[in-house]
Amino acid sequence: MSTYSGNSLKSGLKILIDCQPYEVQYSEFIKPGKGQAFVRIKLKQLLTGKLLCKTVKATDIFYSTDIVEVHAAYLYNNGITWFFMNKKSFEHIHVSKKYLSNFYKWITIFSNCIITLWNNSPISVSIDNFIELKVCNTEAAVKGDTVNTSNKLVTLETGATIRVPLFIKIGDYVKIDTRTERYVSRVIK
């Protein structure tokens, strides 16, 4: 395990605090006119996602975590556990639904995912920021129904529902931002 001093903490660095993995979101080195230098850091707890603000001495020592990111492809799920395949070793990785957050709505078979492992146990799954999904069902759009909104509700191939413009039809592919869960554009395939 490598070590880091308080003044070498940078954004994106993963460290251990009280035997828990944290990711440094922000760090600011402060050298007051009188007294010892210190660092204000903003940390994200990787197991729970909670944010923590902390002030540490510039000379404090922190240990790096045993965090590994694995590129994987989604295979199937049984409602409780989601099964992925490591793209390099072809091993299966079992992930509980709680580590998927809201991404399970956007994952299709063989979707590319990044699984974060800590001590060989999955702690999070992330997907691409933009994905393309097929429209399976739409509600009827009424001509002239543009006074309030020019969107309609559609159901995608994964079962998720989003609002899209009126010109989207069944069978079209749409590009979705998975961070905001909103329609971005229509995709021509």
C-alpha atoms as a PDB file:
ATOM      1  CA  MET A   1       0.000   0.000   0.000  1.00  0.00           C
ATOM      2  CA  SER A   2       1.324   3.397  -0.897  1.00  0.00           C
ATOM      3  CA  THR A   3       1.047   6.354   1.439  1.00  0.00           C
ATOM      4  CA  TYR A   4       0.174   9.993   0.876  1.00  0.00           C
ATOM      5  CA  SER A   5       0.793  13.022   3.064  1.00  0.00           C
ATOM      6  CA  GLY A   6      -1.993  15.507   3.685  1.00  0.00           C
ATOM      7  CA  ASN A   7      -0.531  18.089   1.312  1.00  0.00           C
ATOM      8  CA  SER A   8      -0.331  15.574  -1.576  1.00  0.00           C
ATOM      9  CA  LEU A   9      -4.064  14.772  -1.558  1.00  0.00           C
ATOM     10  CA  LYS A  10      -5.524  15.607  -4.969  1.00  0.00           C
ATOM     11  CA  SER A  11      -8.962  15.289  -6.523  1.00  0.00           C
ATOM     12  CA  GLY A  12      -9.750  11.724  -7.656  1.00  0.00           C
ATOM     13  CA  LEU A  13      -7.340  10.035  -5.229  1.00  0.00           C
ATOM     14  CA  LYS A  14      -8.786   7.073  -3.311  1.00  0.00           C
ATOM     15  CA  ILE A  15      -7.660   6.746   0.319  1.00  0.00           C
ATOM     16  CA  LEU A  16      -8.537   4.872   3.520  1.00  0.00           C
ATOM     17  CA  ILE A  17      -9.925   6.715   6.544  1.00  0.00           C
ATOM     18  CA  ASP A  18     -11.037   4.620   9.547  1.00  0.00           C
ATOM     19  CA  CYS A  19     -10.727   1.460   7.389  1.00  0.00           C
ATOM     20  CA  GLN A  20     -13.297   2.806   4.891  1.00  0.00           C
ATOM     21  CA  PRO A  21     -12.596   3.772   1.252  1.00  0.00           C
ATOM     22  CA  TYR A  22     -13.005   7.435   0.325  1.00  0.00           C
ATOM     23  CA  GLU A  23     -12.427   9.393  -2.861  1.00  0.00           C
ATOM     24  CA  VAL A  24     -11.024  12.921  -2.614  1.00  0.00           C
ATOM     25  CA  GLN A  25     -13.439  15.289  -4.372  1.00  0.00           C
ATOM     26  CA  TYR A  26     -11.682  18.553  -3.529  1.00  0.00           C
ATOM     27  CA  SER A  27      -8.585  19.626  -1.613  1.00  0.00           C
ATOM     28  CA  GLU A  28      -7.258  23.040  -0.623  1.00  0.00           C
ATOM     29  CA  PHE A  29      -3.831  23.605   0.932  1.00  0.00           C
ATOM     30  CA  ILE A  30      -3.820  26.443   3.494  1.00  0.00           C
ATOM     31  CA  LYS A  31      -0.729  28.002   5.064  1.00  0.00           C
ATOM     32  CA  PRO A  32      -1.817  30.524   7.687  1.00  0.00           C
ATOM     33  CA  GLY A  33       0.439  33.384   8.718  1.00  0.00           C
ATOM     34  CA  LYS A  34       0.874  31.819  12.132  1.00  0.00           C
ATOM     35  CA  GLY A  35       0.712  28.124  12.907  1.00  0.00           C
ATOM     36  CA  GLN A  36       0.993  24.854  11.046  1.00  0.00           C
ATOM     37  CA  ALA A  37      -0.180  24.320   7.448  1.00  0.00           C
ATOM     38  CA  PHE A  38      -3.354  22.295   6.955  1.00  0.00           C
ATOM     39  CA  VAL A  39      -5.512  20.913   4.154  1.00  0.00           C
ATOM     40  CA  ARG A  40      -9.292  21.146   3.783  1.00  0.00           C
ATOM     41  CA  ILE A  41     -10.625  18.136   1.913  1.00  0.00           C
ATOM     42  CA  LYS A  42     -14.031  17.075   0.673  1.00  0.00           C
ATOM     43  CA  LEU A  43     -14.396  13.287   0.555  1.00  0.00           C
ATOM     44  CA  LYS A  44     -16.969  10.892  -0.891  1.00  0.00           C
ATOM     45  CA  GLN A  45     -17.488   7.638   1.013  1.00  0.00           C
ATOM     46  CA  LEU A  46     -17.366   4.977  -1.711  1.00  0.00           C
ATOM     47  CA  LEU A  47     -19.608   2.451   0.076  1.00  0.00           C
ATOM     48  CA  THR A  48     -22.482   4.809   0.916  1.00  0.00           C
ATOM     49  CA  GLY A  49     -21.911   7.816  -1.350  1.00  0.00           C
ATOM     50  CA  LYS A  50     -22.052  10.260   1.572  1.00  0.00           C
ATOM     51  CA  LEU A  51     -19.931  13.412   1.466  1.00  0.00           C
ATOM     52  CA  LEU A  52     -17.589  14.373   4.284  1.00  0.00           C
ATOM     53  CA  CYS A  53     -15.678  17.618   4.802  1.00  0.00           C
ATOM     54  CA  LYS A  54     -12.535  17.295   6.874  1.00  0.00           C
ATOM     55  CA  THR A  55      -9.543  19.387   7.884  1.00  0.00           C
ATOM     56  CA  VAL A  56      -6.239  17.527   8.225  1.00  0.00           C
ATOM     57  CA  LYS A  57      -2.646  18.478   8.973  1.00  0.00           C
ATOM     58  CA  ALA A  58      -0.355  18.773   5.978  1.00  0.00           C
ATOM     59  CA  THR A  59       1.883  16.138   7.581  1.00  0.00           C
ATOM     60  CA  ASP A  60      -0.849  13.528   8.255  1.00  0.00           C
ATOM     61  CA  ILE A  61      -0.330  10.193   6.501  1.00  0.00           C
ATOM     62  CA  PHE A  62      -3.064   8.417   4.488  1.00  0.00           C
ATOM     63  CA  TYR A  63      -3.004   4.960   2.890  1.00  0.00           C
ATOM     64  CA  SER A  64      -4.215   4.189  -0.618  1.00  0.00           C
ATOM     65  CA  THR A  65      -7.141   1.811  -1.077  1.00  0.00           C
ATOM     66  CA  ASP A  66      -7.260  -1.504  -2.897  1.00  0.00           C
ATOM     67  CA  ILE A  67      -9.756  -0.190  -5.470  1.00  0.00           C
ATOM     68  CA  VAL A  68      -9.890  -1.828  -8.913  1.00  0.00           C
ATOM     69  CA  GLU A  69     -12.091  -0.807 -11.832  1.00  0.00           C
ATOM     70  CA  VAL A  70     -13.115  -3.679 -14.109  1.00  0.00           C
ATOM     71  CA  HIS A  71     -14.615  -3.317 -17.589  1.00  0.00           C
ATOM     72  CA  ALA A  72     -17.537  -5.716 -17.834  1.00  0.00           C
ATOM     73  CA  ALA A  73     -20.542  -6.622 -19.964  1.00  0.00           C
ATOM     74  CA  TYR A  74     -24.027  -7.122 -18.505  1.00  0.00           C
ATOM     75  CA  LEU A  75     -25.407 -10.647 -18.978  1.00  0.00           C
ATOM     76  CA  TYR A  76     -28.665 -11.117 -17.025  1.00  0.00           C
ATOM     77  CA  ASN A  77     -30.373 -10.654 -13.642  1.00  0.00           C
ATOM     78  CA  ASN A  78     -32.732 -12.524 -11.359  1.00  0.00           C
ATOM     79  CA  GLY A  79     -34.293  -9.432  -9.790  1.00  0.00           C
ATOM     80  CA  ILE A  80     -31.952  -9.360  -6.790  1.00  0.00           C
ATOM     81  CA  THR A  81     -28.526 -10.074  -8.270  1.00  0.00           C
ATOM     82  CA  TRP A  82     -27.158  -8.754 -11.556  1.00  0.00           C
ATOM     83  CA  PHE A  83     -24.574 -10.819 -13.425  1.00  0.00           C
ATOM     84  CA  PHE A  84     -21.716  -9.300 -15.412  1.00  0.00           C
ATOM     85  CA  MET A  85     -18.769 -10.761 -17.319  1.00  0.00           C
ATOM     86  CA  ASN A  86     -15.250  -9.384 -16.916  1.00  0.00           C
ATOM     87  CA  LYS A  87     -14.130  -8.515 -20.459  1.00  0.00           C
ATOM     88  CA  LYS A  88     -10.492  -9.485 -19.859  1.00  0.00           C
ATOM     89  CA  SER A  89     -10.711 -12.683 -17.807  1.00  0.00           C
ATOM     90  CA  PHE A  90     -14.291 -13.707 -18.776  1.00  0.00           C
ATOM     91  CA  GLU A  91     -15.079 -14.352 -15.105  1.00  0.00           C
ATOM     92  CA  HIS A  92     -18.605 -13.707 -13.863  1.00  0.00           C
ATOM     93  CA  ILE A  93     -19.167 -10.943 -11.324  1.00  0.00           C
ATOM     94  CA  HIS A  94     -22.298 -10.962  -9.153  1.00  0.00           C
ATOM     95  CA  VAL A  95     -23.571  -7.520  -8.118  1.00  0.00           C
ATOM     96  CA  SER A  96     -26.431  -6.732  -5.744  1.00  0.00           C
ATOM     97  CA  LYS A  97     -29.057  -4.336  -7.130  1.00  0.00           C
ATOM     98  CA  LYS A  98     -28.267  -1.771  -4.396  1.00  0.00           C
ATOM     99  CA  TYR A  99     -24.885  -1.053  -6.024  1.00  0.00           C
ATOM    100  CA  LEU A 100     -26.501  -0.197  -9.377  1.00  0.00           C
ATOM    101  CA  SER A 101     -28.304   2.935  -8.071  1.00  0.00           C
ATOM    102  CA  ASN A 102     -30.657   3.952 -10.908  1.00  0.00           C
ATOM    103  CA  PHE A 103     -28.511   2.551 -13.707  1.00  0.00           C
ATOM    104  CA  TYR A 104     -30.477  -0.703 -13.877  1.00  0.00           C
ATOM    105  CA  LYS A 105     -33.115   1.179 -15.918  1.00  0.00           C
ATOM    106  CA  TRP A 106     -30.657   1.759 -18.755  1.00  0.00           C
ATOM    107  CA  ILE A 107     -28.714  -1.521 -18.930  1.00  0.00           C
ATOM    108  CA  THR A 108     -29.387  -3.884 -21.838  1.00  0.00           C
ATOM    109  CA  ILE A 109     -27.777  -7.241 -22.588  1.00  0.00           C
ATOM    110  CA  PHE A 110     -24.034  -6.841 -23.289  1.00  0.00           C
ATOM    111  CA  SER A 111     -24.047  -3.189 -22.157  1.00  0.00           C
ATOM    112  CA  ASN A 112     -20.590  -1.877 -21.305  1.00  0.00           C
ATOM    113  CA  CYS A 113     -20.186  -1.152 -17.595  1.00  0.00           C
ATOM    114  CA  ILE A 114     -17.396  -0.324 -15.189  1.00  0.00           C
ATOM    115  CA  ILE A 115     -17.555  -2.219 -11.898  1.00  0.00           C
ATOM    116  CA  THR A 116     -15.585  -0.833  -8.960  1.00  0.00           C
ATOM    117  CA  LEU A 117     -14.193  -3.548  -6.676  1.00  0.00           C
ATOM    118  CA  TRP A 118     -12.847  -3.041  -3.154  1.00  0.00           C
ATOM    119  CA  ASN A 119     -11.163  -6.103  -1.616  1.00  0.00           C
ATOM    120  CA  ASN A 120     -12.593  -8.133  -4.537  1.00  0.00           C
ATOM    121  CA  SER A 121     -16.182  -7.127  -3.634  1.00  0.00           C
ATOM    122  CA  PRO A 122     -18.242  -4.879  -5.930  1.00  0.00           C
ATOM    123  CA  ILE A 123     -19.111  -1.502  -4.411  1.00  0.00           C
ATOM    124  CA  SER A 124     -20.462   0.361  -7.458  1.00  0.00           C
ATOM    125  CA  VAL A 125     -21.386   0.049 -11.114  1.00  0.00           C
ATOM    126  CA  SER A 126     -21.217   2.879 -13.613  1.00  0.00           C
ATOM    127  CA  ILE A 127     -22.313   3.092 -17.231  1.00  0.00           C
ATOM    128  CA  ASP A 128     -21.669   5.469 -20.106  1.00  0.00           C
ATOM    129  CA  ASN A 129     -23.044   8.998 -19.757  1.00  0.00           C
ATOM    130  CA  PHE A 130     -24.951   8.632 -23.037  1.00  0.00           C
ATOM    131  CA  ILE A 131     -26.716   5.499 -24.272  1.00  0.00           C
ATOM    132  CA  GLU A 132     -28.909   4.621 -27.247  1.00  0.00           C
ATOM    133  CA  LEU A 133     -32.119   2.656 -26.693  1.00  0.00           C
ATOM    134  CA  LYS A 134     -35.003   1.569 -28.914  1.00  0.00           C
ATOM    135  CA  VAL A 135     -38.515   2.965 -28.406  1.00  0.00           C
ATOM    136  CA  CYS A 136     -40.982   0.095 -27.860  1.00  0.00           C
ATOM    137  CA  ASN A 137     -44.211   1.923 -27.034  1.00  0.00           C
ATOM    138  CA  THR A 138     -45.497   5.492 -27.227  1.00  0.00           C
ATOM    139  CA  GLU A 139     -48.636   7.259 -26.154  1.00  0.00           C
ATOM    140  CA  ALA A 140     -50.673   8.834 -28.926  1.00  0.00           C
ATOM    141  CA  ALA A 141     -49.739  12.398 -29.761  1.00  0.00           C
ATOM    142  CA  VAL A 142     -52.714  14.639 -30.462  1.00  0.00           C
ATOM    143  CA  LYS A 143     -52.264  17.112 -33.313  1.00  0.00           C
ATOM    144  CA  GLY A 144     -52.208  20.655 -31.969  1.00  0.00           C
ATOM    145  CA  ASP A 145     -51.366  19.498 -28.442  1.00  0.00           C
ATOM    146  CA  THR A 146     -48.484  21.944 -28.076  1.00  0.00           C
ATOM    147  CA  VAL A 147     -49.979  24.593 -25.818  1.00  0.00           C
ATOM    148  CA  ASN A 148     -48.426  23.280 -22.606  1.00  0.00           C
ATOM    149  CA  THR A 149     -45.751  20.861 -23.711  1.00  0.00           C
ATOM    150  CA  SER A 150     -44.545  19.292 -26.919  1.00  0.00           C
ATOM    151  CA  ASN A 151     -43.418  16.025 -25.337  1.00  0.00           C
ATOM    152  CA  LYS A 152     -44.949  12.589 -25.007  1.00  0.00           C
ATOM    153  CA  LEU A 153     -44.202   9.608 -22.795  1.00  0.00           C
ATOM    154  CA  VAL A 154     -42.437   6.585 -24.363  1.00  0.00           C
ATOM    155  CA  THR A 155     -41.408   3.176 -23.059  1.00  0.00           C
ATOM    156  CA  LEU A 156     -37.920   2.009 -23.997  1.00  0.00           C
ATOM    157  CA  GLU A 157     -36.621  -1.528 -24.584  1.00  0.00           C
ATOM    158  CA  THR A 158     -35.455  -1.757 -20.965  1.00  0.00           C
ATOM    159  CA  GLY A 159     -38.905  -0.837 -19.614  1.00  0.00           C
ATOM    160  CA  ALA A 160     -37.878   2.680 -18.567  1.00  0.00           C
ATOM    161  CA  THR A 161     -40.165   5.584 -19.471  1.00  0.00           C
ATOM    162  CA  ILE A 162     -39.020   9.057 -20.506  1.00  0.00           C
ATOM    163  CA  ARG A 163     -40.444  12.153 -22.202  1.00  0.00           C
ATOM    164  CA  VAL A 164     -39.471  12.727 -25.841  1.00  0.00           C
ATOM    165  CA  PRO A 165     -40.577  15.095 -28.654  1.00  0.00           C
ATOM    166  CA  LEU A 166     -43.756  14.309 -30.589  1.00  0.00           C
ATOM    167  CA  PHE A 167     -41.924  13.171 -33.779  1.00  0.00           C
ATOM    168  CA  ILE A 168     -40.422  10.058 -32.103  1.00  0.00           C
ATOM    169  CA  LYS A 169     -42.133   6.840 -33.278  1.00  0.00           C
ATOM    170  CA  ILE A 170     -42.087   3.177 -32.255  1.00  0.00           C
ATOM    171  CA  GLY A 171     -38.877   1.566 -33.521  1.00  0.00           C
ATOM    172  CA  ASP A 172     -36.809   4.775 -33.387  1.00  0.00           C
ATOM    173  CA  TYR A 173     -33.602   4.875 -31.382  1.00  0.00           C
ATOM    174  CA  VAL A 174     -33.092   7.713 -28.921  1.00  0.00           C
ATOM    175  CA  LYS A 175     -29.973   8.987 -27.181  1.00  0.00           C
ATOM    176  CA  ILE A 176     -30.375   9.427 -23.414  1.00  0.00           C
ATOM    177  CA  ASP A 177     -28.209  11.175 -20.826  1.00  0.00           C
ATOM    178  CA  THR A 178     -28.044   8.654 -17.953  1.00  0.00           C
ATOM    179  CA  ARG A 179     -27.020  11.336 -15.426  1.00  0.00           C
ATOM    180  CA  THR A 180     -30.163  13.443 -15.928  1.00  0.00           C
ATOM    181  CA  GLU A 181     -32.340  10.606 -17.309  1.00  0.00           C
ATOM    182  CA  ARG A 182     -33.482  12.839 -20.172  1.00  0.00           C
ATOM    183  CA  TYR A 183     -33.810  12.609 -23.927  1.00  0.00           C
ATOM    184  CA  VAL A 184     -30.898  14.108 -25.890  1.00  0.00           C
ATOM    185  CA  SER A 185     -31.547  13.331 -29.566  1.00  0.00           C
ATOM    186  CA  ARG A 186     -32.897  10.848 -32.077  1.00  0.00           C
ATOM    187  CA  VAL A 187     -30.354   8.384 -33.478  1.00  0.00           C
ATOM    188  CA  ILE A 188     -30.423   7.296 -37.113  1.00  0.00           C
ATOM    189  CA  LYS A 189     -29.401   3.634 -37.453  1.00  0.00           C
END
